C-alpha atoms as a PDB file:
ATOM      1  CA  MET A   1     -33.662  30.093-279.273  1.00  0.00           C
ATOM      2  CA  ALA A   2     -31.823  33.313-279.388  1.00  0.00           C
ATOM      3  CA  ASN A   3     -29.629  32.238-276.513  1.00  0.00           C
ATOM      4  CA  HIS A   4     -27.370  29.254-277.504  1.00  0.00           C
ATOM      5  CA  VAL A   5     -24.579  30.028-274.585  1.00  0.00           C
ATOM      6  CA  VAL A   6     -23.828  26.957-272.468  1.00  0.00           C
ATOM      7  CA  ASP A   7     -24.469  27.815-268.768  1.00  0.00           C
ATOM      8  CA  ALA A   8     -25.374  26.469-265.581  1.00  0.00           C
ATOM      9  CA  SER A   9     -28.992  27.426-265.639  1.00  0.00           C
ATOM     10  CA  PHE A  10     -28.694  25.327-269.548  1.00  0.00           C
ATOM     11  CA  THR A  11     -26.575  22.243-267.678  1.00  0.00           C
ATOM     12  CA  LYS A  12     -28.766  22.050-264.555  1.00  0.00           C
ATOM     13  CA  ARG A  13     -32.132  21.430-267.467  1.00  0.00           C
ATOM     14  CA  LEU A  14     -30.437  19.052-269.664  1.00  0.00           C
ATOM     15  CA  PRO A  15     -32.135  15.376-269.195  1.00  0.00           C
ATOM     16  CA  LYS A  16     -28.534  13.883-267.457  1.00  0.00           C
ATOM     17  CA  VAL A  17     -27.825  10.435-266.418  1.00  0.00           C
ATOM     18  CA  GLU A  18     -25.273   9.577-263.666  1.00  0.00           C
ATOM     19  CA  LEU A  19     -23.589   6.224-263.467  1.00  0.00           C
ATOM     20  CA  HIS A  20     -20.685   6.323-261.509  1.00  0.00           C
ATOM     21  CA  ALA A  21     -21.937   7.366-258.117  1.00  0.00           C
ATOM     22  CA  HIS A  22     -20.692   6.742-254.702  1.00  0.00           C
ATOM     23  CA  LEU A  23     -23.709   6.340-252.024  1.00  0.00           C
ATOM     24  CA  THR A  24     -21.576   7.100-249.078  1.00  0.00           C
ATOM     25  CA  GLY A  25     -19.265  10.019-251.196  1.00  0.00           C
ATOM     26  CA  SER A  26     -22.246  11.300-252.258  1.00  0.00           C
ATOM     27  CA  ILE A  27     -23.963  12.420-249.200  1.00  0.00           C
ATOM     28  CA  SER A  28     -23.586  16.415-248.976  1.00  0.00           C
ATOM     29  CA  VAL A  29     -21.335  18.139-246.493  1.00  0.00           C
ATOM     30  CA  LEU A  30     -24.644  19.784-244.858  1.00  0.00           C
ATOM     31  CA  THR A  31     -26.846  16.377-244.929  1.00  0.00           C
ATOM     32  CA  LEU A  32     -23.657  14.845-243.108  1.00  0.00           C
ATOM     33  CA  HIS A  33     -23.911  17.990-240.260  1.00  0.00           C
ATOM     34  CA  GLU A  34     -27.156  16.956-239.740  1.00  0.00           C
ATOM     35  CA  ILE A  35     -27.184  13.434-238.983  1.00  0.00           C
ATOM     36  CA  TRP A  36     -24.295  14.429-236.788  1.00  0.00           C
ATOM     37  CA  LYS A  37     -26.259  17.084-234.708  1.00  0.00           C
ATOM     38  CA  THR A  38     -28.943  14.500-234.173  1.00  0.00           C
ATOM     39  CA  ARG A  39     -26.602  12.044-232.868  1.00  0.00           C
ATOM     40  CA  LYS A  40     -24.163  15.098-230.984  1.00  0.00           C
ATOM     41  CA  ALA A  41     -28.205  15.582-229.201  1.00  0.00           C
ATOM     42  CA  ALA A  42     -29.279  12.142-228.176  1.00  0.00           C
ATOM     43  CA  ASP A  43     -25.697  11.365-226.909  1.00  0.00           C
ATOM     44  CA  ALA A  44     -23.947  14.958-224.890  1.00  0.00           C
ATOM     45  CA  ALA A  45     -20.949  12.507-225.177  1.00  0.00           C
ATOM     46  CA  PHE A  46     -20.664  12.052-228.745  1.00  0.00           C
ATOM     47  CA  SER A  47     -17.239  12.892-229.593  1.00  0.00           C
ATOM     48  CA  MET A  48     -17.077  13.271-233.735  1.00  0.00           C
ATOM     49  CA  GLN A  49     -15.840  16.382-235.197  1.00  0.00           C
ATOM     50  CA  ASP A  50     -18.481  18.366-237.024  1.00  0.00           C
ATOM     51  CA  PRO A  51     -19.038  17.419-240.670  1.00  0.00           C
ATOM     52  CA  LEU A  52     -18.303  21.537-241.074  1.00  0.00           C
ATOM     53  CA  VAL A  53     -14.842  21.488-239.980  1.00  0.00           C
ATOM     54  CA  ALA A  54     -13.850  17.778-240.522  1.00  0.00           C
ATOM     55  CA  LEU A  55     -14.815  17.694-244.779  1.00  0.00           C
ATOM     56  CA  PRO A  56     -14.541  22.170-244.773  1.00  0.00           C
ATOM     57  CA  LEU A  57     -16.681  23.168-247.596  1.00  0.00           C
ATOM     58  CA  ASP A  58     -14.530  25.457-249.577  1.00  0.00           C
ATOM     59  CA  LYS A  59     -11.842  22.101-249.463  1.00  0.00           C
ATOM     60  CA  VAL A  60     -12.519  20.276-252.816  1.00  0.00           C
ATOM     61  CA  SER A  61      -8.712  18.381-253.159  1.00  0.00           C
ATOM     62  CA  TYR A  62      -7.587  15.132-251.499  1.00  0.00           C
ATOM     63  CA  ASP A  63      -4.818  12.920-252.697  1.00  0.00           C
ATOM     64  CA  ILE A  64      -5.644   9.494-252.617  1.00  0.00           C
ATOM     65  CA  VAL A  65      -3.649   8.562-249.808  1.00  0.00           C
ATOM     66  CA  SER A  66      -6.115  10.565-247.814  1.00  0.00           C
ATOM     67  CA  PHE A  67      -9.081  10.315-249.248  1.00  0.00           C
ATOM     68  CA  PHE A  68     -10.203   6.550-248.454  1.00  0.00           C
ATOM     69  CA  PRO A  69      -9.957   7.292-244.603  1.00  0.00           C
ATOM     70  CA  LEU A  70     -12.601   9.517-244.671  1.00  0.00           C
ATOM     71  CA  PHE A  71     -15.160   6.506-245.648  1.00  0.00           C
ATOM     72  CA  ASP A  72     -13.539   4.033-243.666  1.00  0.00           C
ATOM     73  CA  SER A  73     -12.615   6.061-240.376  1.00  0.00           C
ATOM     74  CA  TYR A  74     -15.169   9.164-240.295  1.00  0.00           C
ATOM     75  CA  ILE A  75     -18.229   9.074-242.762  1.00  0.00           C
ATOM     76  CA  TYR A  76     -18.902   5.323-242.360  1.00  0.00           C
ATOM     77  CA  ASP A  77     -18.922   5.543-238.374  1.00  0.00           C
ATOM     78  CA  LEU A  78     -21.355   9.017-238.649  1.00  0.00           C
ATOM     79  CA  CYS A  79     -23.685   7.165-240.927  1.00  0.00           C
ATOM     80  CA  SER A  80     -23.648   3.976-238.530  1.00  0.00           C
ATOM     81  CA  SER A  81     -27.654   3.761-237.520  1.00  0.00           C
ATOM     82  CA  LEU A  82     -30.199   2.582-240.272  1.00  0.00           C
ATOM     83  CA  SER A  83     -32.079   6.052-239.566  1.00  0.00           C
ATOM     84  CA  ALA A  84     -28.909   7.887-240.598  1.00  0.00           C
ATOM     85  CA  ILE A  85     -28.581   5.739-243.742  1.00  0.00           C
ATOM     86  CA  ARG A  86     -32.323   5.973-244.514  1.00  0.00           C
ATOM     87  CA  PHE A  87     -32.260  10.032-244.348  1.00  0.00           C
ATOM     88  CA  ALA A  88     -28.738  10.318-245.840  1.00  0.00           C
ATOM     89  CA  THR A  89     -29.945   8.106-249.081  1.00  0.00           C
ATOM     90  CA  GLU A  90     -33.167  10.040-249.377  1.00  0.00           C
ATOM     91  CA  GLN A  91     -31.114  13.088-249.268  1.00  0.00           C
ATOM     92  CA  VAL A  92     -28.842  11.620-252.396  1.00  0.00           C
ATOM     93  CA  LEU A  93     -31.521  11.436-254.203  1.00  0.00           C
ATOM     94  CA  ARG A  94     -33.234  14.394-253.978  1.00  0.00           C
ATOM     95  CA  ASP A  95     -30.399  16.086-254.313  1.00  0.00           C
ATOM     96  CA  PHE A  96     -29.361  14.203-257.598  1.00  0.00           C
ATOM     97  CA  GLN A  97     -32.934  14.853-258.964  1.00  0.00           C
ATOM     98  CA  ALA A  98     -32.842  18.232-258.088  1.00  0.00           C
ATOM     99  CA  ASP A  99     -29.852  18.634-260.355  1.00  0.00           C
ATOM    100  CA  GLY A 100     -31.802  17.416-263.516  1.00  0.00           C
ATOM    101  CA  VAL A 101     -30.313  14.001-263.268  1.00  0.00           C
ATOM    102  CA  ARG A 102     -33.131  11.704-264.624  1.00  0.00           C
ATOM    103  CA  TYR A 103     -31.309   8.173-264.880  1.00  0.00           C
ATOM    104  CA  LEU A 104     -29.402   7.171-261.716  1.00  0.00           C
ATOM    105  CA  GLU A 105     -27.724   4.261-260.643  1.00  0.00           C
ATOM    106  CA  LEU A 106     -25.840   4.144-257.059  1.00  0.00           C
ATOM    107  CA  ARG A 107     -23.579   1.951-256.245  1.00  0.00           C
ATOM    108  CA  THR A 108     -22.541   1.088-252.944  1.00  0.00           C
ATOM    109  CA  THR A 109     -20.431  -2.167-250.657  1.00  0.00           C
ATOM    110  CA  PRO A 110     -22.240  -3.918-248.271  1.00  0.00           C
ATOM    111  CA  ARG A 111     -21.911  -2.607-244.414  1.00  0.00           C
ATOM    112  CA  GLU A 112     -22.693  -3.934-241.165  1.00  0.00           C
ATOM    113  CA  ASN A 113     -22.637  -2.871-237.692  1.00  0.00           C
ATOM    114  CA  THR A 114     -23.454  -5.390-234.719  1.00  0.00           C
ATOM    115  CA  LEU A 115     -22.847  -2.541-232.101  1.00  0.00           C
ATOM    116  CA  GLN A 116     -26.367  -0.850-234.486  1.00  0.00           C
ATOM    117  CA  GLY A 117     -27.514  -4.701-235.476  1.00  0.00           C
ATOM    118  CA  VAL A 118     -26.924  -3.381-239.001  1.00  0.00           C
ATOM    119  CA  THR A 119     -25.847  -6.732-241.370  1.00  0.00           C
ATOM    120  CA  LYS A 120     -25.045  -6.754-244.361  1.00  0.00           C
ATOM    121  CA  GLU A 121     -28.687  -7.678-245.838  1.00  0.00           C
ATOM    122  CA  LEU A 122     -30.010  -5.641-244.495  1.00  0.00           C
ATOM    123  CA  TYR A 123     -27.852  -2.704-244.793  1.00  0.00           C
ATOM    124  CA  VAL A 124     -28.705  -3.200-249.090  1.00  0.00           C
ATOM    125  CA  SER A 125     -32.680  -3.757-248.257  1.00  0.00           C
ATOM    126  CA  THR A 126     -32.603  -0.402-246.407  1.00  0.00           C
ATOM    127  CA  VAL A 127     -31.343   1.800-249.537  1.00  0.00           C
ATOM    128  CA  LEU A 128     -33.802  -0.296-251.789  1.00  0.00           C
ATOM    129  CA  ASP A 129     -36.428   0.924-249.408  1.00  0.00           C
ATOM    130  CA  VAL A 130     -35.506   4.378-249.588  1.00  0.00           C
ATOM    131  CA  ILE A 131     -35.024   3.950-253.347  1.00  0.00           C
ATOM    132  CA  ASP A 132     -38.436   2.403-253.675  1.00  0.00           C
ATOM    133  CA  SER A 133     -40.449   5.039-251.690  1.00  0.00           C
ATOM    134  CA  PHE A 134     -38.811   8.109-253.333  1.00  0.00           C
ATOM    135  CA  SER A 135     -39.578   6.337-256.689  1.00  0.00           C
ATOM    136  CA  HIS A 136     -43.262   6.276-255.427  1.00  0.00           C
ATOM    137  CA  GLN A 137     -42.915   9.888-254.837  1.00  0.00           C
ATOM    138  CA  GLN A 138     -42.034  11.057-257.875  1.00  0.00           C
ATOM    139  CA  THR A 139     -41.798   9.818-261.595  1.00  0.00           C
ATOM    140  CA  GLU A 140     -39.104  12.016-263.135  1.00  0.00           C
ATOM    141  CA  MET A 141     -36.109  10.207-262.015  1.00  0.00           C
ATOM    142  CA  SER A 142     -34.960   6.241-261.977  1.00  0.00           C
ATOM    143  CA  THR A 143     -32.758   5.076-259.428  1.00  0.00           C
ATOM    144  CA  TYR A 144     -31.231   1.484-260.019  1.00  0.00           C
ATOM    145  CA  LEU A 145     -28.392   0.184-256.838  1.00  0.00           C
ATOM    146  CA  ILE A 146     -25.435  -1.825-258.317  1.00  0.00           C
ATOM    147  CA  ILE A 147     -23.689  -3.233-255.409  1.00  0.00           C
ATOM    148  CA  SER A 148     -19.340  -2.934-254.901  1.00  0.00           C
ATOM    149  CA  VAL A 149     -16.835  -5.429-253.918  1.00  0.00           C
ATOM    150  CA  ASP A 150     -14.323  -3.856-252.251  1.00  0.00           C
ATOM    151  CA  ARG A 151     -10.925  -4.992-253.597  1.00  0.00           C
ATOM    152  CA  ARG A 152      -9.622  -5.560-250.180  1.00  0.00           C
ATOM    153  CA  ASN A 153     -12.127  -8.420-250.245  1.00  0.00           C
ATOM    154  CA  ILE A 154     -11.192 -12.389-249.990  1.00  0.00           C
ATOM    155  CA  LEU A 155     -12.855 -14.319-252.176  1.00  0.00           C
ATOM    156  CA  GLU A 156     -15.605 -15.068-249.592  1.00  0.00           C
ATOM    157  CA  GLN A 157     -16.415 -11.298-248.627  1.00  0.00           C
ATOM    158  CA  ALA A 158     -16.669 -10.683-252.602  1.00  0.00           C
ATOM    159  CA  MET A 159     -19.048 -13.833-252.784  1.00  0.00           C
ATOM    160  CA  GLN A 160     -21.762 -12.770-249.862  1.00  0.00           C
ATOM    161  CA  ALA A 161     -21.584  -9.312-252.369  1.00  0.00           C
ATOM    162  CA  VAL A 162     -22.631 -10.678-255.098  1.00  0.00           C
ATOM    163  CA  ASP A 163     -25.096 -13.286-253.562  1.00  0.00           C
ATOM    164  CA  LEU A 164     -26.602 -10.387-251.689  1.00  0.00           C
ATOM    165  CA  ALA A 165     -26.584  -8.328-255.235  1.00  0.00           C
ATOM    166  CA  ILE A 166     -28.511 -11.634-257.099  1.00  0.00           C
ATOM    167  CA  GLN A 167     -31.287 -11.552-254.121  1.00  0.00           C
ATOM    168  CA  PHE A 168     -32.301  -8.464-254.563  1.00  0.00           C
ATOM    169  CA  GLN A 169     -31.826  -8.804-258.179  1.00  0.00           C
ATOM    170  CA  ASN A 170     -35.631  -8.002-258.148  1.00  0.00           C
ATOM    171  CA  ARG A 171     -35.375  -4.969-256.446  1.00  0.00           C
ATOM    172  CA  GLY A 172     -33.843  -2.931-258.691  1.00  0.00           C
ATOM    173  CA  VAL A 173     -29.891  -4.075-258.482  1.00  0.00           C
ATOM    174  CA  VAL A 174     -28.569  -4.362-261.903  1.00  0.00           C
ATOM    175  CA  GLY A 175     -24.931  -4.515-261.218  1.00  0.00           C
ATOM    176  CA  VAL A 176     -21.585  -5.456-259.137  1.00  0.00           C
ATOM    177  CA  ASP A 177     -18.428  -3.097-258.970  1.00  0.00           C
ATOM    178  CA  LEU A 178     -15.407  -3.481-258.442  1.00  0.00           C
ATOM    179  CA  CYS A 179     -13.745  -0.413-255.771  1.00  0.00           C
ATOM    180  CA  GLY A 180     -11.796   0.533-252.816  1.00  0.00           C
ATOM    181  CA  ASN A 181      -8.559   1.688-252.586  1.00  0.00           C
ATOM    182  CA  PRO A 182      -6.167   1.122-255.672  1.00  0.00           C
ATOM    183  CA  ALA A 183      -3.315   0.647-253.811  1.00  0.00           C
ATOM    184  CA  LYS A 184      -4.968  -2.451-251.849  1.00  0.00           C
ATOM    185  CA  GLY A 185      -5.317  -5.801-252.796  1.00  0.00           C
ATOM    186  CA  ASP A 186      -5.681  -8.680-255.443  1.00  0.00           C
ATOM    187  CA  VAL A 187      -8.085  -8.466-258.615  1.00  0.00           C
ATOM    188  CA  SER A 188      -7.082 -11.586-259.952  1.00  0.00           C
ATOM    189  CA  ILE A 189      -8.585 -13.714-257.085  1.00  0.00           C
ATOM    190  CA  PHE A 190     -12.268 -12.534-258.316  1.00  0.00           C
ATOM    191  CA  ARG A 191     -12.879 -14.022-261.695  1.00  0.00           C
ATOM    192  CA  GLU A 192     -15.414 -16.642-260.480  1.00  0.00           C
ATOM    193  CA  VAL A 193     -16.630 -13.789-257.986  1.00  0.00           C
ATOM    194  CA  PHE A 194     -17.712 -11.608-261.546  1.00  0.00           C
ATOM    195  CA  ASP A 195     -18.266 -15.049-263.695  1.00  0.00           C
ATOM    196  CA  LYS A 196     -21.334 -15.660-261.361  1.00  0.00           C
ATOM    197  CA  ALA A 197     -22.818 -12.351-261.320  1.00  0.00           C
ATOM    198  CA  LYS A 198     -22.490 -12.037-264.803  1.00  0.00           C
ATOM    199  CA  ALA A 199     -23.982 -15.663-265.670  1.00  0.00           C
ATOM    200  CA  ALA A 200     -26.826 -14.134-262.550  1.00  0.00           C
ATOM    201  CA  GLY A 201     -27.926 -10.875-265.373  1.00  0.00           C
ATOM    202  CA  LEU A 202     -26.139  -8.689-264.030  1.00  0.00           C
ATOM    203  CA  LYS A 203     -23.454  -6.426-265.678  1.00  0.00           C
ATOM    204  CA  ILE A 204     -19.797  -5.421-264.329  1.00  0.00           C
ATOM    205  CA  THR A 205     -18.477  -2.540-263.869  1.00  0.00           C
ATOM    206  CA  LEU A 206     -15.073  -2.035-262.767  1.00  0.00           C
ATOM    207  CA  HIS A 207     -12.715   0.748-260.859  1.00  0.00           C
ATOM    208  CA  PHE A 208     -10.255   1.004-263.785  1.00  0.00           C
ATOM    209  CA  ALA A 209      -6.507   2.018-263.722  1.00  0.00           C
ATOM    210  CA  GLU A 210      -6.981   4.771-261.437  1.00  0.00           C
ATOM    211  CA  ILE A 211      -3.333   5.266-260.396  1.00  0.00           C
ATOM    212  CA  PRO A 212       0.339   3.836-261.292  1.00  0.00           C
ATOM    213  CA  GLU A 213       0.039   1.196-258.673  1.00  0.00           C
ATOM    214  CA  SER A 214      -3.618  -0.563-260.095  1.00  0.00           C
ATOM    215  CA  SER A 215      -2.246   0.015-264.002  1.00  0.00           C
ATOM    216  CA  THR A 216      -0.327  -2.033-264.595  1.00  0.00           C
ATOM    217  CA  ARG A 217      -0.302  -4.057-267.830  1.00  0.00           C
ATOM    218  CA  GLU A 218      -0.860  -7.601-265.868  1.00  0.00           C
ATOM    219  CA  GLU A 219      -3.679  -6.139-264.143  1.00  0.00           C
ATOM    220  CA  LEU A 220      -5.845  -4.062-266.785  1.00  0.00           C
ATOM    221  CA  ARG A 221      -5.952  -7.414-268.854  1.00  0.00           C
ATOM    222  CA  THR A 222      -7.173  -9.078-266.086  1.00  0.00           C
ATOM    223  CA  LEU A 223      -9.602  -7.065-265.677  1.00  0.00           C
ATOM    224  CA  LEU A 224     -10.487  -6.625-268.559  1.00  0.00           C
ATOM    225  CA  SER A 225     -10.703 -10.439-268.710  1.00  0.00           C
ATOM    226  CA  TYR A 226     -13.438 -10.606-266.827  1.00  0.00           C
ATOM    227  CA  GLU A 227     -16.074  -8.793-269.613  1.00  0.00           C
ATOM    228  CA  PRO A 228     -16.956  -5.746-268.196  1.00  0.00           C
ATOM    229  CA  ASP A 229     -19.748  -3.805-269.549  1.00  0.00           C
ATOM    230  CA  ARG A 230     -18.062  -0.501-268.326  1.00  0.00           C
ATOM    231  CA  LEU A 231     -14.876   0.612-266.381  1.00  0.00           C
ATOM    232  CA  GLY A 232     -14.692   3.651-264.163  1.00  0.00           C
ATOM    233  CA  HIS A 233     -11.685   6.794-264.490  1.00  0.00           C
ATOM    234  CA  VAL A 234      -9.850   4.556-266.958  1.00  0.00           C
ATOM    235  CA  VAL A 235      -6.824   7.104-266.225  1.00  0.00           C
ATOM    236  CA  ASN A 236      -3.356   5.648-266.185  1.00  0.00           C
ATOM    237  CA  VAL A 237      -4.070   3.511-269.659  1.00  0.00           C
ATOM    238  CA  PRO A 238      -1.032   2.758-271.528  1.00  0.00           C
ATOM    239  CA  ASP A 239      -1.659   2.952-275.291  1.00  0.00           C
ATOM    240  CA  ASP A 240      -2.183  -0.728-276.135  1.00  0.00           C
ATOM    241  CA  ILE A 241      -4.540  -1.086-273.512  1.00  0.00           C
ATOM    242  CA  ARG A 242      -6.691   1.927-274.535  1.00  0.00           C
ATOM    243  CA  ASP A 243      -6.740   0.779-278.242  1.00  0.00           C
ATOM    244  CA  GLU A 244      -8.278  -2.293-276.850  1.00  0.00           C
ATOM    245  CA  ILE A 245     -11.037  -0.427-274.976  1.00  0.00           C
ATOM    246  CA  VAL A 246     -11.405   1.650-278.347  1.00  0.00           C
ATOM    247  CA  SER A 247     -12.024  -1.713-280.443  1.00  0.00           C
ATOM    248  CA  ARG A 248     -14.684  -3.051-278.069  1.00  0.00           C
ATOM    249  CA  GLN A 249     -16.447   0.139-277.656  1.00  0.00           C
ATOM    250  CA  LYS A 250     -19.755  -1.355-278.700  1.00  0.00           C
ATOM    251  CA  ASP A 251     -19.607  -3.171-275.601  1.00  0.00           C
ATOM    252  CA  ILE A 252     -17.369  -1.046-272.888  1.00  0.00           C
ATOM    253  CA  GLY A 253     -18.922   2.373-271.578  1.00  0.00           C
ATOM    254  CA  LEU A 254     -16.710   4.562-270.367  1.00  0.00           C
ATOM    255  CA  GLU A 255     -17.890   6.421-266.719  1.00  0.00           C
ATOM    256  CA  LEU A 256     -15.490   9.002-266.887  1.00  0.00           C
ATOM    257  CA  CYS A 257     -15.469  11.780-263.881  1.00  0.00           C
ATOM    258  CA  MET A 258     -13.249  15.521-264.388  1.00  0.00           C
ATOM    259  CA  SER A 259     -13.591  16.901-261.185  1.00  0.00           C
ATOM    260  CA  CYS A 260     -12.397  13.743-258.986  1.00  0.00           C
ATOM    261  CA  ASN A 261      -9.426  13.216-260.960  1.00  0.00           C
ATOM    262  CA  VAL A 262      -8.198  16.475-260.725  1.00  0.00           C
ATOM    263  CA  HIS A 263      -8.716  17.232-257.114  1.00  0.00           C
ATOM    264  CA  ALA A 264      -7.374  13.923-255.818  1.00  0.00           C
ATOM    265  CA  LYS A 265      -4.828  14.936-258.435  1.00  0.00           C
ATOM    266  CA  MET A 266      -5.020  11.177-260.119  1.00  0.00           C
ATOM    267  CA  ILE A 267      -4.234  13.112-263.192  1.00  0.00           C
ATOM    268  CA  PRO A 268      -0.995  15.534-264.241  1.00  0.00           C
ATOM    269  CA  GLY A 269      -2.564  19.001-264.840  1.00  0.00           C
ATOM    270  CA  SER A 270      -5.880  20.383-264.851  1.00  0.00           C
ATOM    271  CA  PHE A 271      -9.520  19.876-266.742  1.00  0.00           C
ATOM    272  CA  GLY A 272      -8.134  20.924-270.185  1.00  0.00           C
ATOM    273  CA  ASP A 273      -5.682  17.958-269.837  1.00  0.00           C
ATOM    274  CA  HIS A 274      -8.964  15.278-268.994  1.00  0.00           C
ATOM    275  CA  HIS A 275      -8.466  12.686-271.268  1.00  0.00           C
ATOM    276  CA  PHE A 276     -11.992  13.090-271.438  1.00  0.00           C
ATOM    277  CA  GLY A 277     -10.974  15.327-274.455  1.00  0.00           C
ATOM    278  CA  TYR A 278      -9.353  12.108-276.060  1.00  0.00           C
ATOM    279  CA  TYR A 279     -12.709   9.818-276.224  1.00  0.00           C
ATOM    280  CA  TRP A 280     -14.519  12.234-277.056  1.00  0.00           C
ATOM    281  CA  LYS A 281     -13.219  13.402-280.495  1.00  0.00           C
ATOM    282  CA  ASP A 282     -11.811  10.658-281.129  1.00  0.00           C
ATOM    283  CA  THR A 283     -13.708   7.555-280.423  1.00  0.00           C
ATOM    284  CA  GLN A 284     -17.306   6.822-280.394  1.00  0.00           C
ATOM    285  CA  CYS A 285     -16.956   5.251-276.843  1.00  0.00           C
ATOM    286  CA  SER A 286     -20.136   5.443-274.645  1.00  0.00           C
ATOM    287  CA  ILE A 287     -19.287   8.060-272.247  1.00  0.00           C
ATOM    288  CA  SER A 288     -20.965   9.439-269.269  1.00  0.00           C
ATOM    289  CA  LEU A 289     -19.673  12.147-267.235  1.00  0.00           C
ATOM    290  CA  CYS A 290     -19.859  11.013-263.455  1.00  0.00           C
ATOM    291  CA  THR A 291     -19.827  12.890-259.957  1.00  0.00           C
ATOM    292  CA  ASP A 292     -18.136   9.744-258.544  1.00  0.00           C
ATOM    293  CA  ASP A 293     -18.585  11.255-254.594  1.00  0.00           C
ATOM    294  CA  VAL A 294     -20.268  15.043-255.090  1.00  0.00           C
ATOM    295  CA  GLY A 295     -20.103  15.250-251.358  1.00  0.00           C
ATOM    296  CA  ILE A 296     -16.623  15.175-251.124  1.00  0.00           C
ATOM    297  CA  PHE A 297     -15.334  17.104-254.315  1.00  0.00           C
ATOM    298  CA  GLN A 298     -18.843  19.261-254.627  1.00  0.00           C
ATOM    299  CA  SER A 299     -19.397  19.623-258.563  1.00  0.00           C
ATOM    300  CA  SER A 300     -22.828  17.993-259.265  1.00  0.00           C
ATOM    301  CA  VAL A 301     -23.385  16.483-262.574  1.00  0.00           C
ATOM    302  CA  SER A 302     -24.573  19.389-264.467  1.00  0.00           C
ATOM    303  CA  ASN A 303     -21.126  21.065-263.057  1.00  0.00           C
ATOM    304  CA  GLU A 304     -19.355  17.997-264.798  1.00  0.00           C
ATOM    305  CA  TYR A 305     -21.007  19.225-268.639  1.00  0.00           C
ATOM    306  CA  LEU A 306     -20.446  22.998-267.635  1.00  0.00           C
ATOM    307  CA  LEU A 307     -16.682  21.775-267.235  1.00  0.00           C
ATOM    308  CA  ALA A 308     -16.880  19.947-270.503  1.00  0.00           C
ATOM    309  CA  ALA A 309     -17.842  22.750-272.473  1.00  0.00           C
ATOM    310  CA  LYS A 310     -15.940  25.012-270.755  1.00  0.00           C
ATOM    311  CA  HIS A 311     -12.485  23.370-271.423  1.00  0.00           C
ATOM    312  CA  PHE A 312     -13.088  21.555-274.530  1.00  0.00           C
ATOM    313  CA  GLY A 313     -15.311  23.597-276.371  1.00  0.00           C
ATOM    314  CA  LEU A 314     -18.742  22.226-276.565  1.00  0.00           C
ATOM    315  CA  GLY A 315     -22.016  23.702-277.025  1.00  0.00           C
ATOM    316  CA  ARG A 316     -25.204  23.072-276.697  1.00  0.00           C
ATOM    317  CA  ASP A 317     -26.120  20.244-279.014  1.00  0.00           C
ATOM    318  CA  ASP A 318     -22.491  18.549-278.040  1.00  0.00           C
ATOM    319  CA  LEU A 319     -23.732  18.229-274.270  1.00  0.00           C
ATOM    320  CA  ALA A 320     -27.043  16.826-276.023  1.00  0.00           C
ATOM    321  CA  LYS A 321     -24.891  14.583-277.990  1.00  0.00           C
ATOM    322  CA  LEU A 322     -22.830  13.626-274.709  1.00  0.00           C
ATOM    323  CA  SER A 323     -26.324  12.963-272.809  1.00  0.00           C
ATOM    324  CA  ARG A 324     -26.889  10.564-275.455  1.00  0.00           C
ATOM    325  CA  ARG A 325     -23.858   8.053-275.917  1.00  0.00           C
ATOM    326  CA  ALA A 326     -24.308   7.841-271.784  1.00  0.00           C
ATOM    327  CA  VAL A 327     -27.718   6.744-272.378  1.00  0.00           C
ATOM    328  CA  ASP A 328     -26.519   3.861-274.265  1.00  0.00           C
ATOM    329  CA  SER A 329     -24.533   1.610-271.385  1.00  0.00           C
ATOM    330  CA  ILE A 330     -27.025   2.304-268.859  1.00  0.00           C
ATOM    331  CA  PHE A 331     -27.791  -0.505-266.900  1.00  0.00           C
ATOM    332  CA  GLY A 332     -31.332  -0.636-266.190  1.00  0.00           C
ATOM    333  CA  GLY A 333     -32.259  -1.969-269.786  1.00  0.00           C
ATOM    334  CA  GLU A 334     -34.296  -1.280-273.325  1.00  0.00           C
ATOM    335  CA  ALA A 335     -37.021   1.009-271.729  1.00  0.00           C
ATOM    336  CA  GLU A 336     -34.900   3.380-269.381  1.00  0.00           C
ATOM    337  CA  LYS A 337     -32.620   3.759-272.575  1.00  0.00           C
ATOM    338  CA  ASP A 338     -35.785   4.642-274.373  1.00  0.00           C
ATOM    339  CA  ARG A 339     -37.512   6.786-271.640  1.00  0.00           C
ATOM    340  CA  MET A 340     -34.269   8.847-271.584  1.00  0.00           C
ATOM    341  CA  ARG A 341     -33.569   8.829-275.550  1.00  0.00           C
ATOM    342  CA  LYS A 342     -36.864  10.442-275.446  1.00  0.00           C
ATOM    343  CA  LEU A 343     -36.942  13.157-273.006  1.00  0.00           C
ATOM    344  CA  LEU A 344     -33.487  14.157-274.840  1.00  0.00           C
ATOM    345  CA  SER A 345     -35.509  14.235-277.650  1.00  0.00           C
ATOM    346  CA  ALA A 346     -38.046  16.706-276.269  1.00  0.00           C
ATOM    347  CA  PHE A 347     -35.459  18.560-274.596  1.00  0.00           C
ATOM    348  CA  GLU A 348     -34.174  19.126-277.855  1.00  0.00           C
ATOM    349  CA  LYS A 349     -36.785  20.294-279.556  1.00  0.00           C
ATOM    350  CA  LYS A 350     -37.593  23.073-277.547  1.00  0.00           C
ATOM    351  CA  GLU A 351     -33.606  24.485-276.365  1.00  0.00           C
ATOM    352  CA  LEU A 352     -31.299  23.318-279.310  1.00  0.00           C
END
C-alpha cells in the first residue's frame, strides 16, 4: 500500500488475540449505566451510584489500593442478577469483536449471590450460554473461558473453582487463572489445585509480580514451580527470575497490559518505560498485548497496539509479527492457531 502509516484504523483492522481480559473489568461504563438504569426503573429505592458518576469516562488512573474495591463492592453488586450477567457478557463480546479481536479468552472468578439465586455453577453456565449464543450469531471471533482462582481463597474454595473448570471443559473452558488482590493471600497453598487442573488437561495462567509485595523471589519461584503456560503482567521481576522466564520462553507466554500498568501506577514512568520493550526487542517470548480491564482503563486491544507502535517505534509489519507471536500461546488448540495464522496471512497480503 502507498500509505504505510500506523494509525487507529490499521490497528483496529489487524486481526488480534486477547488473552488477558477479566469479564467484569471489561464491562464498559456505558453498559454498566444501562444495567443501573434498568435496576433503578424497577426499584425506586435502588441507591447505588450511577456508573457515569462512580466511574467517570474521563478517569483512567486508579491506584492498586482503590482498584479492587471497584470490583468487590461496586461492579459485582451492580451486576448481581442473571439478567445483568447475560447482558454485560454479550456487550463485552460485541465490544471485543468490533475492535478487531478474532480470538478471545475471557477470564472470570465464579461468583454466587444467594439473594438472587445465583450459584457459582449457574454463574459459569450462564456466561458460557452467552458465549455459545454469540458464537452462533457470527463466525469472526472465537471465544473461550478461563476460570479464575482468587489468591485470597482458602484451598477448598480454590478446588471448587478448578472443579467447575473441569466440569465445563467440554463447553469451552480452556484454563485456570490465579488472580485477585496481589497484596493478599498465600500462593503456596495452591500446588494441588494447579496440579489437578493440569492433570485434567487445562492450561494454567498466573498473575505474576504485579506489585513489590507479591514479587519476592520465594513467591515467584513458587509460582514458576506450578509450570504455568502463561504469565500475566510480569512487572516487578528480579533479573534472575526474568532470565529463567526467558530460558523457558518456548513454554511460557507473556500477557502484557501496558495501559493497566501505567494508569494503575504499577510501573515507574510511562509507556516508553514499560517492560514490553525488553521482551519485544531482546527475546523471542510469545507476547500478547492485552487490556486486562478495558472497562476501567478504557484502552482497547487496538489502542494497545497503537501505543506499542508510538512508544517503541513499531511499524505495520512489526505489529503483524506481534499479533503472530501472541497466537503461539493461545489455549484453544492447534485449529484455532491455524485459523488465526491464516487470518493474519490474508491480512498481511492485503495490507503490507
